[in-house]
Amino acid sequence: MTFGVDISRGPEAGPHDTPATPLATPLATPMAAPMAAPVATGPEWRVAEGLTDYPSALAEMRSHVAAIRAGEAGERVWLVEHPPLYTAGTSSTPEGLV
């Protein structure tokens, strides 16, 4: 026999305030066969060896974004190092450069 709790008294009733009552049907039924675990999917991981020049990295990123938008590629985590460079940002002015 499966038992449930009568919750008709509202949320202020404590778990021990209401006696357990038999349910008409069980809460769970045994499964005929175990289900396979879902396959976890995630982003592609790529690690670049050595330095990658910035224009090449930027072109590759833009190309990959276009492929994602077209439904031809999935997300990617790309660990890349490029030579040092200075980025001023979109709100910079020539007067602000040192």
C-alpha atoms as a PDB file:
ATOM      1  CA  MET A   1       0.000   0.000   0.000  1.00  0.00           C
ATOM      2  CA  THR A   2       1.297   3.516  -0.847  1.00  0.00           C
ATOM      3  CA  PHE A   3       0.655   6.443   1.497  1.00  0.00           C
ATOM      4  CA  GLY A   4       0.409  10.162   0.821  1.00  0.00           C
ATOM      5  CA  VAL A   5      -0.128  13.226   2.984  1.00  0.00           C
ATOM      6  CA  ASP A   6      -3.345  15.265   3.056  1.00  0.00           C
ATOM      7  CA  ILE A   7      -2.254  18.829   2.246  1.00  0.00           C
ATOM      8  CA  SER A   8      -5.749  20.334   2.375  1.00  0.00           C
ATOM      9  CA  ARG A   9      -4.909  22.150   5.627  1.00  0.00           C
ATOM     10  CA  GLY A  10      -2.522  24.524   3.811  1.00  0.00           C
ATOM     11  CA  PRO A  11       1.204  25.242   4.011  1.00  0.00           C
ATOM     12  CA  GLU A  12       1.068  26.255   7.697  1.00  0.00           C
ATOM     13  CA  ALA A  13       0.373  22.644   8.719  1.00  0.00           C
ATOM     14  CA  GLY A  14       3.549  20.851   9.712  1.00  0.00           C
ATOM     15  CA  PRO A  15       4.559  17.499   8.227  1.00  0.00           C
ATOM     16  CA  HIS A  16       3.480  15.677  11.404  1.00  0.00           C
ATOM     17  CA  ASP A  17       0.137  17.505  11.845  1.00  0.00           C
ATOM     18  CA  THR A  18      -1.773  15.424   9.287  1.00  0.00           C
ATOM     19  CA  PRO A  19      -2.012  11.627   9.360  1.00  0.00           C
ATOM     20  CA  ALA A  20      -0.925   9.678   6.302  1.00  0.00           C
ATOM     21  CA  THR A  21      -3.823   8.433   4.172  1.00  0.00           C
ATOM     22  CA  PRO A  22      -3.785   5.627   1.585  1.00  0.00           C
ATOM     23  CA  LEU A  23      -3.705   6.751  -2.057  1.00  0.00           C
ATOM     24  CA  ALA A  24      -5.877   5.152  -4.715  1.00  0.00           C
ATOM     25  CA  THR A  25      -2.882   4.583  -7.006  1.00  0.00           C
ATOM     26  CA  PRO A  26       0.824   4.185  -6.252  1.00  0.00           C
ATOM     27  CA  LEU A  27       3.022   7.262  -6.642  1.00  0.00           C
ATOM     28  CA  ALA A  28       5.488   5.417  -8.846  1.00  0.00           C
ATOM     29  CA  THR A  29       5.364   2.283 -10.929  1.00  0.00           C
ATOM     30  CA  PRO A  30       8.341   0.079 -11.730  1.00  0.00           C
ATOM     31  CA  MET A  31       9.827   0.641 -15.168  1.00  0.00           C
ATOM     32  CA  ALA A  32       9.910  -2.221 -17.649  1.00  0.00           C
ATOM     33  CA  ALA A  33      13.540  -1.525 -18.587  1.00  0.00           C
ATOM     34  CA  PRO A  34      16.105   0.963 -17.289  1.00  0.00           C
ATOM     35  CA  MET A  35      16.452   4.132 -19.328  1.00  0.00           C
ATOM     36  CA  ALA A  36      19.795   5.079 -20.820  1.00  0.00           C
ATOM     37  CA  ALA A  37      21.459   8.116 -19.297  1.00  0.00           C
ATOM     38  CA  PRO A  38      21.259  11.218 -21.498  1.00  0.00           C
ATOM     39  CA  VAL A  39      24.402  11.993 -23.460  1.00  0.00           C
ATOM     40  CA  ALA A  40      25.952  15.255 -22.305  1.00  0.00           C
ATOM     41  CA  THR A  41      26.843  17.582 -25.138  1.00  0.00           C
ATOM     42  CA  GLY A  42      28.874  20.687 -24.854  1.00  0.00           C
ATOM     43  CA  PRO A  43      31.156  22.997 -26.741  1.00  0.00           C
ATOM     44  CA  GLU A  44      34.136  21.897 -28.779  1.00  0.00           C
ATOM     45  CA  TRP A  45      37.414  22.563 -26.958  1.00  0.00           C
ATOM     46  CA  ARG A  46      40.414  23.659 -28.999  1.00  0.00           C
ATOM     47  CA  VAL A  47      43.885  24.587 -27.754  1.00  0.00           C
ATOM     48  CA  ALA A  48      46.158  26.449 -30.170  1.00  0.00           C
ATOM     49  CA  GLU A  49      49.841  25.613 -29.997  1.00  0.00           C
ATOM     50  CA  GLY A  50      52.212  28.558 -29.754  1.00  0.00           C
ATOM     51  CA  LEU A  51      51.271  32.097 -30.738  1.00  0.00           C
ATOM     52  CA  THR A  52      48.499  32.887 -33.219  1.00  0.00           C
ATOM     53  CA  ASP A  53      48.654  36.315 -34.811  1.00  0.00           C
ATOM     54  CA  TYR A  54      45.666  38.478 -33.949  1.00  0.00           C
ATOM     55  CA  PRO A  55      44.294  38.998 -37.504  1.00  0.00           C
ATOM     56  CA  SER A  56      44.269  35.217 -38.085  1.00  0.00           C
ATOM     57  CA  ALA A  57      42.527  34.557 -34.744  1.00  0.00           C
ATOM     58  CA  LEU A  58      39.942  37.260 -35.464  1.00  0.00           C
ATOM     59  CA  ALA A  59      39.244  35.873 -38.947  1.00  0.00           C
ATOM     60  CA  GLU A  60      38.822  32.342 -37.542  1.00  0.00           C
ATOM     61  CA  MET A  61      36.449  33.572 -34.815  1.00  0.00           C
ATOM     62  CA  ARG A  62      34.324  35.521 -37.316  1.00  0.00           C
ATOM     63  CA  SER A  63      34.193  32.524 -39.657  1.00  0.00           C
ATOM     64  CA  HIS A  64      33.130  30.224 -36.827  1.00  0.00           C
ATOM     65  CA  VAL A  65      30.407  32.639 -35.658  1.00  0.00           C
ATOM     66  CA  ALA A  66      29.023  32.695 -39.219  1.00  0.00           C
ATOM     67  CA  ALA A  67      29.002  28.874 -39.274  1.00  0.00           C
ATOM     68  CA  ILE A  68      27.170  28.778 -35.912  1.00  0.00           C
ATOM     69  CA  ARG A  69      24.542  31.238 -37.177  1.00  0.00           C
ATOM     70  CA  ALA A  70      24.081  29.131 -40.324  1.00  0.00           C
ATOM     71  CA  GLY A  71      23.579  26.022 -38.193  1.00  0.00           C
ATOM     72  CA  GLU A  72      26.737  24.428 -39.569  1.00  0.00           C
ATOM     73  CA  ALA A  73      28.825  24.429 -36.384  1.00  0.00           C
ATOM     74  CA  GLY A  74      28.450  24.275 -32.625  1.00  0.00           C
ATOM     75  CA  GLU A  75      29.885  26.389 -29.849  1.00  0.00           C
ATOM     76  CA  ARG A  76      33.643  26.335 -29.278  1.00  0.00           C
ATOM     77  CA  VAL A  77      35.981  27.214 -26.452  1.00  0.00           C
ATOM     78  CA  TRP A  78      39.271  28.203 -28.060  1.00  0.00           C
ATOM     79  CA  LEU A  79      42.318  28.732 -25.902  1.00  0.00           C
ATOM     80  CA  VAL A  80      44.600  30.897 -27.981  1.00  0.00           C
ATOM     81  CA  GLU A  81      47.508  33.224 -27.282  1.00  0.00           C
ATOM     82  CA  HIS A  82      48.450  36.046 -29.606  1.00  0.00           C
ATOM     83  CA  PRO A  83      51.395  38.449 -29.454  1.00  0.00           C
ATOM     84  CA  PRO A  84      50.867  41.509 -27.222  1.00  0.00           C
ATOM     85  CA  LEU A  85      48.819  44.307 -28.718  1.00  0.00           C
ATOM     86  CA  TYR A  86      46.934  47.370 -27.560  1.00  0.00           C
ATOM     87  CA  THR A  87      43.177  47.607 -27.955  1.00  0.00           C
ATOM     88  CA  ALA A  88      41.657  51.028 -27.412  1.00  0.00           C
ATOM     89  CA  GLY A  89      37.983  50.042 -27.397  1.00  0.00           C
ATOM     90  CA  THR A  90      35.027  51.353 -29.369  1.00  0.00           C
ATOM     91  CA  SER A  91      34.713  54.637 -27.481  1.00  0.00           C
ATOM     92  CA  SER A  92      38.363  55.657 -27.873  1.00  0.00           C
ATOM     93  CA  THR A  93      39.496  58.820 -29.623  1.00  0.00           C
ATOM     94  CA  PRO A  94      42.849  59.595 -31.264  1.00  0.00           C
ATOM     95  CA  GLU A  95      43.442  62.169 -28.521  1.00  0.00           C
ATOM     96  CA  GLY A  96      43.166  59.458 -25.874  1.00  0.00           C
ATOM     97  CA  LEU A  97      46.022  57.393 -27.304  1.00  0.00           C
ATOM     98  CA  VAL A  98      49.368  57.783 -25.603  1.00  0.00           C
END
